[in-house]
PDB file of N, CA and C in Angstrom:
ATOM      1  N   MET A   1       0.564  -1.239  -0.129  1.00  0.00           N
ATOM      2  CA  MET A   1      -0.122  -0.297   0.473  1.00  0.00           C
ATOM      3  C   MET A   1       0.939   1.500  -0.350  1.00  0.00           C
ATOM      4  N   THR A   2       0.333   2.280  -0.493  1.00  0.00           N
ATOM      5  CA  THR A   2       1.639   3.258  -0.785  1.00  0.00           C
ATOM      6  C   THR A   2       1.111   4.101   0.224  1.00  0.00           C
ATOM      7  N   GLU A   3       1.856   5.710   0.941  1.00  0.00           N
ATOM      8  CA  GLU A   3       2.201   5.725   1.676  1.00  0.00           C
ATOM      9  C   GLU A   3       0.384   7.019   1.267  1.00  0.00           C
ATOM     10  N   GLY A   4       0.092   7.435   0.344  1.00  0.00           N
ATOM     11  CA  GLY A   4      -0.919   8.210   0.074  1.00  0.00           C
ATOM     12  C   GLY A   4      -1.809   7.559   0.725  1.00  0.00           C
ATOM     13  N   VAL A   5      -1.741   5.642  -0.082  1.00  0.00           N
ATOM     14  CA  VAL A   5      -3.162   5.574   0.063  1.00  0.00           C
ATOM     15  C   VAL A   5      -3.540   4.919   1.860  1.00  0.00           C
ATOM     16  N   LEU A   6      -2.309   4.449   2.072  1.00  0.00           N
ATOM     17  CA  LEU A   6      -2.531   4.116   3.512  1.00  0.00           C
ATOM     18  C   LEU A   6      -3.345   5.331   4.699  1.00  0.00           C
ATOM     19  N   GLY A   7      -2.590   6.781   3.926  1.00  0.00           N
ATOM     20  CA  GLY A   7      -2.737   7.696   4.852  1.00  0.00           C
ATOM     21  C   GLY A   7      -4.058   7.828   4.343  1.00  0.00           C
ATOM     22  N   THR A   8      -5.391   7.463   4.056  1.00  0.00           N
ATOM     23  CA  THR A   8      -5.995   8.009   3.999  1.00  0.00           C
ATOM     24  C   THR A   8      -6.917   6.968   4.713  1.00  0.00           C
ATOM     25  N   VAL A   9      -6.700   5.281   4.556  1.00  0.00           N
ATOM     26  CA  VAL A   9      -6.978   4.711   5.917  1.00  0.00           C
ATOM     27  C   VAL A   9      -6.948   4.106   6.751  1.00  0.00           C
ATOM     28  N   ALA A  10      -5.695   5.235   7.390  1.00  0.00           N
ATOM     29  CA  ALA A  10      -5.203   4.816   9.643  1.00  0.00           C
ATOM     30  C   ALA A  10      -6.529   5.354   9.875  1.00  0.00           C
ATOM     31  N   SER A  11      -6.384   5.747  10.028  1.00  0.00           N
ATOM     32  CA  SER A  11      -7.730   6.273  11.526  1.00  0.00           C
ATOM     33  C   SER A  11      -9.149   5.596  11.463  1.00  0.00           C
ATOM     34  N   TYR A  12      -9.203   4.415  10.172  1.00  0.00           N
ATOM     35  CA  TYR A  12     -10.137   3.612  10.442  1.00  0.00           C
ATOM     36  C   TYR A  12      -9.991   2.063  11.064  1.00  0.00           C
ATOM     37  N   THR A  13     -11.036   1.479  11.888  1.00  0.00           N
ATOM     38  CA  THR A  13     -11.193   0.701  12.244  1.00  0.00           C
ATOM     39  C   THR A  13     -11.824  -0.460  11.525  1.00  0.00           C
ATOM     40  N   THR A  14     -12.419  -0.047  11.472  1.00  0.00           N
ATOM     41  CA  THR A  14     -13.204  -0.847  10.181  1.00  0.00           C
ATOM     42  C   THR A  14     -12.685  -1.239   9.095  1.00  0.00           C
ATOM     43  N   SER A  15     -12.636  -2.028   7.669  1.00  0.00           N
ATOM     44  CA  SER A  15     -12.572  -3.315   6.819  1.00  0.00           C
ATOM     45  C   SER A  15     -14.016  -1.878   5.937  1.00  0.00           C
ATOM     46  N   ASN A  16     -15.268  -1.942   6.467  1.00  0.00           N
ATOM     47  CA  ASN A  16     -16.102  -0.998   5.713  1.00  0.00           C
ATOM     48  C   ASN A  16     -16.707   0.251   6.318  1.00  0.00           C
ATOM     49  N   ALA A  17     -15.285   0.319   6.781  1.00  0.00           N
ATOM     50  CA  ALA A  17     -15.446   2.338   6.691  1.00  0.00           C
ATOM     51  C   ALA A  17     -13.748   2.372   5.943  1.00  0.00           C
ATOM     52  N   VAL A  18     -12.369   1.177   5.849  1.00  0.00           N
ATOM     53  CA  VAL A  18     -11.261   1.707   4.756  1.00  0.00           C
ATOM     54  C   VAL A  18     -12.339   1.524   3.685  1.00  0.00           C
ATOM     55  N   TRP A  19     -13.151   0.349   2.909  1.00  0.00           N
ATOM     56  CA  TRP A  19     -14.227   0.239   2.058  1.00  0.00           C
ATOM     57  C   TRP A  19     -14.137   1.669   0.937  1.00  0.00           C
ATOM     58  N   LYS A  20     -15.233   2.138   1.994  1.00  0.00           N
ATOM     59  CA  LYS A  20     -16.120   3.535   1.451  1.00  0.00           C
ATOM     60  C   LYS A  20     -14.906   4.201   1.655  1.00  0.00           C
ATOM     61  N   ALA A  21     -14.146   4.397   2.048  1.00  0.00           N
ATOM     62  CA  ALA A  21     -13.490   5.801   1.900  1.00  0.00           C
ATOM     63  C   ALA A  21     -11.785   5.910   0.728  1.00  0.00           C
ATOM     64  N   LEU A  22     -11.375   4.033   0.727  1.00  0.00           N
ATOM     65  CA  LEU A  22     -10.945   3.911  -0.939  1.00  0.00           C
ATOM     66  C   LEU A  22     -12.322   4.521  -2.092  1.00  0.00           C
ATOM     67  N   GLU A  23     -13.388   3.870  -2.395  1.00  0.00           N
ATOM     68  CA  GLU A  23     -13.942   4.304  -3.038  1.00  0.00           C
ATOM     69  C   GLU A  23     -14.113   5.508  -3.635  1.00  0.00           C
ATOM     70  N   GLN A  24     -14.523   6.257  -1.935  1.00  0.00           N
ATOM     71  CA  GLN A  24     -14.479   8.059  -2.170  1.00  0.00           C
ATOM     72  C   GLN A  24     -13.664   8.347  -2.605  1.00  0.00           C
ATOM     73  N   LYS A  25     -12.601   8.377  -2.504  1.00  0.00           N
ATOM     74  CA  LYS A  25     -10.733   8.045  -2.726  1.00  0.00           C
ATOM     75  C   LYS A  25     -10.394   8.089  -4.266  1.00  0.00           C
ATOM     76  N   PHE A  26     -11.189   7.215  -4.449  1.00  0.00           N
ATOM     77  CA  PHE A  26     -10.935   6.847  -5.801  1.00  0.00           C
ATOM     78  C   PHE A  26     -11.471   6.418  -7.740  1.00  0.00           C
ATOM     79  N   SER A  27     -12.817   6.569  -6.725  1.00  0.00           N
ATOM     80  CA  SER A  27     -14.653   7.012  -7.952  1.00  0.00           C
ATOM     81  C   SER A  27     -13.991   8.555  -8.312  1.00  0.00           C
ATOM     82  N   SER A  28     -13.751   9.434  -8.121  1.00  0.00           N
ATOM     83  CA  SER A  28     -13.914  10.251  -8.716  1.00  0.00           C
ATOM     84  C   SER A  28     -12.258  10.565 -10.653  1.00  0.00           C
ATOM     85  N   GLN A  29     -11.074   9.427 -10.176  1.00  0.00           N
ATOM     86  CA  GLN A  29     -10.108   8.597 -10.380  1.00  0.00           C
ATOM     87  C   GLN A  29     -11.110   7.965 -11.811  1.00  0.00           C
ATOM     88  N   SER A  30     -12.299   7.577 -11.317  1.00  0.00           N
ATOM     89  CA  SER A  30     -12.995   6.924 -12.493  1.00  0.00           C
ATOM     90  C   SER A  30     -13.718   7.183 -13.041  1.00  0.00           C
ATOM     91  N   LYS A  31     -14.376   8.591 -12.576  1.00  0.00           N
ATOM     92  CA  LYS A  31     -14.330   9.040 -13.330  1.00  0.00           C
ATOM     93  C   LYS A  31     -14.413   9.484 -14.536  1.00  0.00           C
ATOM     94  N   ALA A  32     -13.132   9.702 -13.501  1.00  0.00           N
ATOM     95  CA  ALA A  32     -12.165  10.976 -14.770  1.00  0.00           C
ATOM     96  C   ALA A  32     -11.612   9.683 -16.528  1.00  0.00           C
ATOM     97  N   ARG A  33     -11.505   9.314 -15.820  1.00  0.00           N
ATOM     98  CA  ARG A  33     -10.998   8.274 -16.593  1.00  0.00           C
ATOM     99  C   ARG A  33     -12.658   7.753 -17.602  1.00  0.00           C
ATOM    100  N   LEU A  34     -13.598   7.460 -17.081  1.00  0.00           N
ATOM    101  CA  LEU A  34     -15.229   7.304 -18.083  1.00  0.00           C
ATOM    102  C   LEU A  34     -14.779   7.966 -18.864  1.00  0.00           C
ATOM    103  N   LEU A  35     -14.920   9.854 -19.000  1.00  0.00           N
ATOM    104  CA  LEU A  35     -14.952  10.939 -19.373  1.00  0.00           C
ATOM    105  C   LEU A  35     -13.937  10.888 -20.941  1.00  0.00           C
ATOM    106  N   GLN A  36     -12.776  10.513 -19.751  1.00  0.00           N
ATOM    107  CA  GLN A  36     -11.594  10.858 -20.929  1.00  0.00           C
ATOM    108  C   GLN A  36     -11.376   9.394 -22.354  1.00  0.00           C
ATOM    109  N   LEU A  37     -11.901   8.064 -21.524  1.00  0.00           N
ATOM    110  CA  LEU A  37     -12.429   7.500 -22.461  1.00  0.00           C
ATOM    111  C   LEU A  37     -13.210   7.393 -23.677  1.00  0.00           C
ATOM    112  N   LYS A  38     -15.210   7.652 -22.928  1.00  0.00           N
ATOM    113  CA  LYS A  38     -16.214   8.880 -23.879  1.00  0.00           C
ATOM    114  C   LYS A  38     -15.708   9.310 -24.523  1.00  0.00           C
ATOM    115  N   SER A  39     -14.552  10.431 -24.476  1.00  0.00           N
ATOM    116  CA  SER A  39     -14.741  11.074 -25.169  1.00  0.00           C
ATOM    117  C   SER A  39     -13.514  10.651 -26.405  1.00  0.00           C
ATOM    118  N   GLN A  40     -12.962  10.211 -26.520  1.00  0.00           N
ATOM    119  CA  GLN A  40     -11.257   9.213 -27.006  1.00  0.00           C
ATOM    120  C   GLN A  40     -12.271   8.539 -28.147  1.00  0.00           C
ATOM    121  N   LEU A  41     -13.536   7.481 -27.858  1.00  0.00           N
ATOM    122  CA  LEU A  41     -14.208   6.426 -29.206  1.00  0.00           C
ATOM    123  C   LEU A  41     -15.271   8.156 -29.233  1.00  0.00           C
ATOM    124  N   SER A  42     -15.959   8.865 -29.371  1.00  0.00           N
ATOM    125  CA  SER A  42     -16.773   9.801 -29.897  1.00  0.00           C
ATOM    126  C   SER A  42     -15.263  10.849 -30.939  1.00  0.00           C
ATOM    127  N   ASN A  43     -14.539  11.009 -30.190  1.00  0.00           N
ATOM    128  CA  ASN A  43     -13.348  11.780 -31.303  1.00  0.00           C
ATOM    129  C   ASN A  43     -11.852  10.965 -32.717  1.00  0.00           C
ATOM    130  N   ALA A  44     -12.201   9.586 -31.690  1.00  0.00           N
ATOM    131  CA  ALA A  44     -11.678   9.266 -32.680  1.00  0.00           C
ATOM    132  C   ALA A  44     -11.524   9.303 -34.174  1.00  0.00           C
ATOM    133  N   THR A  45     -10.972   9.573 -35.145  1.00  0.00           N
ATOM    134  CA  THR A  45     -10.456   9.650 -36.660  1.00  0.00           C
ATOM    135  C   THR A  45      -9.593   8.738 -37.607  1.00  0.00           C
ATOM    136  N   LYS A  46      -9.335   8.316 -37.998  1.00  0.00           N
ATOM    137  CA  LYS A  46      -8.703   7.327 -39.681  1.00  0.00           C
ATOM    138  C   LYS A  46      -7.918   7.762 -39.599  1.00  0.00           C
ATOM    139  N   GLY A  47      -8.147   8.666 -40.250  1.00  0.00           N
ATOM    140  CA  GLY A  47      -6.337   9.257 -40.012  1.00  0.00           C
ATOM    141  C   GLY A  47      -6.382   8.772 -41.344  1.00  0.00           C
ATOM    142  N   ASN A  48      -4.681   8.539 -41.108  1.00  0.00           N
ATOM    143  CA  ASN A  48      -3.712   7.976 -42.473  1.00  0.00           C
ATOM    144  C   ASN A  48      -3.630   6.424 -42.022  1.00  0.00           C
ATOM    145  N   GLN A  49      -4.953   5.968 -40.988  1.00  0.00           N
ATOM    146  CA  GLN A  49      -4.207   4.714 -40.641  1.00  0.00           C
ATOM    147  C   GLN A  49      -4.633   3.752 -41.375  1.00  0.00           C
ATOM    148  N   SER A  50      -4.383   2.923 -41.598  1.00  0.00           N
ATOM    149  CA  SER A  50      -5.294   1.688 -42.762  1.00  0.00           C
ATOM    150  C   SER A  50      -6.585   1.558 -41.898  1.00  0.00           C
ATOM    151  N   ILE A  51      -7.792   0.696 -41.629  1.00  0.00           N
ATOM    152  CA  ILE A  51      -8.946   0.337 -41.427  1.00  0.00           C
ATOM    153  C   ILE A  51      -8.162  -1.173 -40.112  1.00  0.00           C
ATOM    154  N   SER A  52      -7.525  -1.189 -40.182  1.00  0.00           N
ATOM    155  CA  SER A  52      -7.450  -2.424 -39.290  1.00  0.00           C
ATOM    156  C   SER A  52      -7.416  -1.946 -37.884  1.00  0.00           C
ATOM    157  N   ASP A  53      -5.786  -0.791 -38.026  1.00  0.00           N
ATOM    158  CA  ASP A  53      -5.227  -0.304 -37.372  1.00  0.00           C
ATOM    159  C   ASP A  53      -6.538   0.575 -36.441  1.00  0.00           C
ATOM    160  N   TYR A  54      -7.338   1.225 -37.283  1.00  0.00           N
ATOM    161  CA  TYR A  54      -8.230   2.141 -36.949  1.00  0.00           C
ATOM    162  C   TYR A  54      -9.488   1.312 -35.663  1.00  0.00           C
ATOM    163  N   ILE A  55      -9.799   0.876 -36.314  1.00  0.00           N
ATOM    164  CA  ILE A  55     -10.548  -0.533 -35.096  1.00  0.00           C
ATOM    165  C   ILE A  55      -9.901  -1.150 -33.668  1.00  0.00           C
ATOM    166  N   ASP A  56      -8.252  -1.320 -34.686  1.00  0.00           N
ATOM    167  CA  ASP A  56      -7.780  -1.803 -33.619  1.00  0.00           C
ATOM    168  C   ASP A  56      -8.303  -1.316 -32.201  1.00  0.00           C
ATOM    169  N   LYS A  57      -7.835   0.493 -32.832  1.00  0.00           N
ATOM    170  CA  LYS A  57      -7.179   1.234 -32.293  1.00  0.00           C
ATOM    171  C   LYS A  57      -8.886   1.825 -31.405  1.00  0.00           C
ATOM    172  N   LEU A  58      -9.479   1.067 -32.062  1.00  0.00           N
ATOM    173  CA  LEU A  58     -10.733   0.975 -31.052  1.00  0.00           C
ATOM    174  C   LEU A  58     -11.493   0.382 -30.490  1.00  0.00           C
ATOM    175  N   LYS A  59     -11.395  -0.597 -30.883  1.00  0.00           N
ATOM    176  CA  LYS A  59     -11.257  -1.416 -29.552  1.00  0.00           C
ATOM    177  C   LYS A  59     -10.847  -1.704 -28.286  1.00  0.00           C
ATOM    178  N   VAL A  60      -9.482  -1.068 -28.198  1.00  0.00           N
ATOM    179  CA  VAL A  60      -8.289  -0.688 -27.086  1.00  0.00           C
ATOM    180  C   VAL A  60      -9.568  -0.062 -26.575  1.00  0.00           C
ATOM    181  N   VAL A  61      -9.787   1.207 -26.777  1.00  0.00           N
ATOM    182  CA  VAL A  61     -10.891   2.091 -26.321  1.00  0.00           C
ATOM    183  C   VAL A  61     -12.167   1.398 -25.406  1.00  0.00           C
ATOM    184  N   CYS A  62     -12.899   0.875 -26.323  1.00  0.00           N
ATOM    185  CA  CYS A  62     -14.309  -0.097 -26.031  1.00  0.00           C
ATOM    186  C   CYS A  62     -14.099  -0.827 -24.930  1.00  0.00           C
ATOM    187  N   ASP A  63     -12.689  -1.872 -25.407  1.00  0.00           N
ATOM    188  CA  ASP A  63     -12.215  -3.075 -23.399  1.00  0.00           C
ATOM    189  C   ASP A  63     -12.080  -1.782 -22.700  1.00  0.00           C
ATOM    190  N   SER A  64     -10.872  -0.832 -22.059  1.00  0.00           N
ATOM    191  CA  SER A  64     -10.813   0.320 -21.577  1.00  0.00           C
ATOM    192  C   SER A  64     -12.155   0.489 -20.781  1.00  0.00           C
ATOM    193  N   LEU A  65     -13.975   1.116 -21.656  1.00  0.00           N
ATOM    194  CA  LEU A  65     -13.959   1.405 -20.623  1.00  0.00           C
ATOM    195  C   LEU A  65     -15.160   0.001 -20.777  1.00  0.00           C
ATOM    196  N   ALA A  66     -15.594  -0.903 -20.986  1.00  0.00           N
ATOM    197  CA  ALA A  66     -16.063  -2.156 -19.922  1.00  0.00           C
ATOM    198  C   ALA A  66     -14.569  -2.569 -18.874  1.00  0.00           C
ATOM    199  N   VAL A  67     -13.398  -2.275 -18.719  1.00  0.00           N
ATOM    200  CA  VAL A  67     -13.299  -2.621 -18.149  1.00  0.00           C
ATOM    201  C   VAL A  67     -13.415  -1.568 -16.757  1.00  0.00           C
ATOM    202  N   VAL A  68     -13.640  -0.738 -17.100  1.00  0.00           N
ATOM    203  CA  VAL A  68     -14.604   0.966 -15.703  1.00  0.00           C
ATOM    204  C   VAL A  68     -15.912   0.769 -15.104  1.00  0.00           C
ATOM    205  N   GLY A  69     -16.457  -0.623 -16.923  1.00  0.00           N
ATOM    206  CA  GLY A  69     -17.782  -0.899 -16.072  1.00  0.00           C
ATOM    207  C   GLY A  69     -18.062   0.093 -16.533  1.00  0.00           C
ATOM    208  N   HIS A  70     -18.047   0.326 -18.304  1.00  0.00           N
ATOM    209  CA  HIS A  70     -19.110   1.401 -19.649  1.00  0.00           C
ATOM    210  C   HIS A  70     -19.058   0.340 -20.773  1.00  0.00           C
ATOM    211  N   THR A  71     -20.307  -0.379 -20.640  1.00  0.00           N
ATOM    212  CA  THR A  71     -19.609  -1.517 -21.758  1.00  0.00           C
ATOM    213  C   THR A  71     -19.893  -0.575 -23.033  1.00  0.00           C
ATOM    214  N   VAL A  72     -19.739  -0.736 -24.416  1.00  0.00           N
ATOM    215  CA  VAL A  72     -19.853   0.237 -25.372  1.00  0.00           C
ATOM    216  C   VAL A  72     -21.145  -0.920 -26.466  1.00  0.00           C
ATOM    217  N   SER A  73     -22.813  -0.642 -26.504  1.00  0.00           N
ATOM    218  CA  SER A  73     -22.814  -1.569 -27.516  1.00  0.00           C
ATOM    219  C   SER A  73     -22.741  -0.992 -29.005  1.00  0.00           C
ATOM    220  N   ASP A  74     -23.683  -2.406 -29.561  1.00  0.00           N
ATOM    221  CA  ASP A  74     -22.750  -1.969 -30.767  1.00  0.00           C
ATOM    222  C   ASP A  74     -23.290  -0.998 -31.276  1.00  0.00           C
ATOM    223  N   LEU A  75     -24.192  -0.466 -31.153  1.00  0.00           N
ATOM    224  CA  LEU A  75     -24.880   0.397 -32.316  1.00  0.00           C
ATOM    225  C   LEU A  75     -23.927   1.835 -31.715  1.00  0.00           C
ATOM    226  N   ASP A  76     -23.005   1.518 -30.350  1.00  0.00           N
ATOM    227  CA  ASP A  76     -21.711   2.673 -30.257  1.00  0.00           C
ATOM    228  C   ASP A  76     -21.727   2.683 -30.671  1.00  0.00           C
ATOM    229  N   LEU A  77     -20.238   1.389 -30.512  1.00  0.00           N
ATOM    230  CA  LEU A  77     -19.797   1.231 -31.534  1.00  0.00           C
ATOM    231  C   LEU A  77     -19.457   1.580 -33.091  1.00  0.00           C
ATOM    232  N   VAL A  78     -20.839   0.561 -33.632  1.00  0.00           N
ATOM    233  CA  VAL A  78     -20.776   1.416 -35.729  1.00  0.00           C
ATOM    234  C   VAL A  78     -20.805   3.491 -35.628  1.00  0.00           C
ATOM    235  N   VAL A  79     -22.449   3.432 -34.966  1.00  0.00           N
ATOM    236  CA  VAL A  79     -22.003   5.169 -34.844  1.00  0.00           C
ATOM    237  C   VAL A  79     -20.038   5.637 -34.464  1.00  0.00           C
ATOM    238  N   SER A  80     -19.515   5.656 -33.932  1.00  0.00           N
ATOM    239  CA  SER A  80     -17.755   5.306 -34.058  1.00  0.00           C
ATOM    240  C   SER A  80     -17.303   4.918 -34.970  1.00  0.00           C
ATOM    241  N   VAL A  81     -17.912   4.137 -35.621  1.00  0.00           N
ATOM    242  CA  VAL A  81     -16.491   4.119 -36.983  1.00  0.00           C
ATOM    243  C   VAL A  81     -16.740   4.140 -37.915  1.00  0.00           C
ATOM    244  N   SER A  82     -18.374   5.017 -38.046  1.00  0.00           N
ATOM    245  CA  SER A  82     -18.364   5.718 -39.090  1.00  0.00           C
ATOM    246  C   SER A  82     -18.178   7.496 -39.495  1.00  0.00           C
TER     247      SER A  82
END
């Protein structure tokens, strides 16, 4: 555990309180990451990339969104590709 995280939870006496403190500390970072990924998906352009590289790039963003708990629907993906 890093010193910053330890400092956040050191005063709590129950695992539930520690969990809630950690959730609160990191939830804003998760929301920021979600917004960043959504922006990447909506602003993605093919440019000079091959279609294969472009689709791979979109897949990485979609997979990252799934990791943070936001799956991308097929329709959203089609809209991003067009």
